[in-house]
Amino acid sequence: MRLSARNILKGKITRIQRGAVNAEVVLELPNGPEIVSIITQHSLDTLGLKEGSQAYAVIKASSVMIAVDD
């Protein structure tokens, strides 16, 4: 796999919650942090994603914002 995205994080799918159109996929990274992604049902099925399987979070953004509480 070769991508232009600079942030590729491997983890294990711990939860999939199907909705009417989209699905929420929770990917647990090594040492415990989780990334949650909303993808289409079609993508979920096409990729063959299942709880317990390995997958990658691929993050590409032109800007990342940082915020703090007042």
C-alpha atoms as a PDB file:
ATOM      1  CA  MET A   1       0.000   0.000   0.000  1.00  0.00           C
ATOM      2  CA  ARG A   2       1.381   3.403  -0.974  1.00  0.00           C
ATOM      3  CA  LEU A   3      -0.529   6.569  -0.119  1.00  0.00           C
ATOM      4  CA  SER A   4       0.069  10.292  -0.170  1.00  0.00           C
ATOM      5  CA  ALA A   5      -1.363  10.626   3.340  1.00  0.00           C
ATOM      6  CA  ARG A   6       1.307  11.158   5.969  1.00  0.00           C
ATOM      7  CA  ASN A   7      -0.531   9.673   8.949  1.00  0.00           C
ATOM      8  CA  ILE A   8      -1.283   5.960   8.728  1.00  0.00           C
ATOM      9  CA  LEU A   9      -2.087   4.284  12.045  1.00  0.00           C
ATOM     10  CA  LYS A  10      -2.571   0.525  12.358  1.00  0.00           C
ATOM     11  CA  GLY A  11      -4.982  -0.869  14.898  1.00  0.00           C
ATOM     12  CA  LYS A  12      -7.699  -3.388  15.686  1.00  0.00           C
ATOM     13  CA  ILE A  13     -11.409  -2.816  15.069  1.00  0.00           C
ATOM     14  CA  THR A  14     -13.124  -3.089  18.446  1.00  0.00           C
ATOM     15  CA  ARG A  15     -16.643  -1.952  17.574  1.00  0.00           C
ATOM     16  CA  ILE A  16     -18.838  -1.442  14.525  1.00  0.00           C
ATOM     17  CA  GLN A  17     -22.189   0.285  14.920  1.00  0.00           C
ATOM     18  CA  ARG A  18     -24.323   0.126  11.789  1.00  0.00           C
ATOM     19  CA  GLY A  19     -26.776   2.915  11.101  1.00  0.00           C
ATOM     20  CA  ALA A  20     -29.347   3.462   8.369  1.00  0.00           C
ATOM     21  CA  VAL A  21     -26.779   4.773   5.859  1.00  0.00           C
ATOM     22  CA  ASN A  22     -23.418   4.996   7.630  1.00  0.00           C
ATOM     23  CA  ALA A  23     -21.453   2.924  10.111  1.00  0.00           C
ATOM     24  CA  GLU A  24     -19.311   4.006  13.050  1.00  0.00           C
ATOM     25  CA  VAL A  25     -16.042   2.087  13.230  1.00  0.00           C
ATOM     26  CA  VAL A  26     -13.849   2.205  16.351  1.00  0.00           C
ATOM     27  CA  LEU A  27     -10.178   1.405  15.775  1.00  0.00           C
ATOM     28  CA  GLU A  28      -8.043   0.747  18.866  1.00  0.00           C
ATOM     29  CA  LEU A  29      -4.418   1.741  18.430  1.00  0.00           C
ATOM     30  CA  PRO A  30      -1.504   0.125  20.270  1.00  0.00           C
ATOM     31  CA  ASN A  31      -1.349   1.246  23.914  1.00  0.00           C
ATOM     32  CA  GLY A  32      -5.102   1.970  24.013  1.00  0.00           C
ATOM     33  CA  PRO A  33      -6.045   5.194  22.181  1.00  0.00           C
ATOM     34  CA  GLU A  34      -9.077   4.881  19.912  1.00  0.00           C
ATOM     35  CA  ILE A  35      -9.951   6.518  16.614  1.00  0.00           C
ATOM     36  CA  VAL A  36     -13.586   6.649  15.510  1.00  0.00           C
ATOM     37  CA  SER A  37     -14.517   6.927  11.857  1.00  0.00           C
ATOM     38  CA  ILE A  38     -17.881   7.275  10.146  1.00  0.00           C
ATOM     39  CA  ILE A  39     -17.960   5.459   6.813  1.00  0.00           C
ATOM     40  CA  THR A  40     -20.712   4.361   4.447  1.00  0.00           C
ATOM     41  CA  GLN A  41     -22.337   0.943   4.760  1.00  0.00           C
ATOM     42  CA  HIS A  42     -21.089   0.264   1.230  1.00  0.00           C
ATOM     43  CA  SER A  43     -17.468   0.939   2.258  1.00  0.00           C
ATOM     44  CA  LEU A  44     -17.881  -1.223   5.360  1.00  0.00           C
ATOM     45  CA  ASP A  45     -19.087  -4.136   3.254  1.00  0.00           C
ATOM     46  CA  THR A  46     -16.621  -3.598   0.392  1.00  0.00           C
ATOM     47  CA  LEU A  47     -13.654  -3.547   2.781  1.00  0.00           C
ATOM     48  CA  GLY A  48     -14.998  -6.576   4.648  1.00  0.00           C
ATOM     49  CA  LEU A  49     -14.501  -4.901   8.025  1.00  0.00           C
ATOM     50  CA  LYS A  50     -15.271  -7.026  11.085  1.00  0.00           C
ATOM     51  CA  GLU A  51     -14.773  -6.546  14.801  1.00  0.00           C
ATOM     52  CA  GLY A  52     -11.420  -7.998  15.803  1.00  0.00           C
ATOM     53  CA  SER A  53      -9.795  -7.500  12.395  1.00  0.00           C
ATOM     54  CA  GLN A  54      -6.781  -5.293  11.699  1.00  0.00           C
ATOM     55  CA  ALA A  55      -7.206  -2.056   9.760  1.00  0.00           C
ATOM     56  CA  TYR A  56      -5.553   1.315   9.215  1.00  0.00           C
ATOM     57  CA  ALA A  57      -6.718   4.825  10.032  1.00  0.00           C
ATOM     58  CA  VAL A  58      -5.495   6.997   7.158  1.00  0.00           C
ATOM     59  CA  ILE A  59      -5.512  10.693   8.011  1.00  0.00           C
ATOM     60  CA  LYS A  60      -4.869  13.423   5.478  1.00  0.00           C
ATOM     61  CA  ALA A  61      -5.828  16.977   6.214  1.00  0.00           C
ATOM     62  CA  SER A  62      -4.711  20.315   4.882  1.00  0.00           C
ATOM     63  CA  SER A  63      -5.141  21.812   8.336  1.00  0.00           C
ATOM     64  CA  VAL A  64      -5.358  20.565  11.890  1.00  0.00           C
ATOM     65  CA  MET A  65      -6.866  22.921  14.451  1.00  0.00           C
ATOM     66  CA  ILE A  66      -5.844  23.107  18.098  1.00  0.00           C
ATOM     67  CA  ALA A  67      -8.225  24.401  20.749  1.00  0.00           C
ATOM     68  CA  VAL A  68      -8.138  25.047  24.495  1.00  0.00           C
ATOM     69  CA  ASP A  69     -10.836  25.673  27.073  1.00  0.00           C
ATOM     70  CA  ASP A  70     -11.304  29.234  28.330  1.00  0.00           C
END
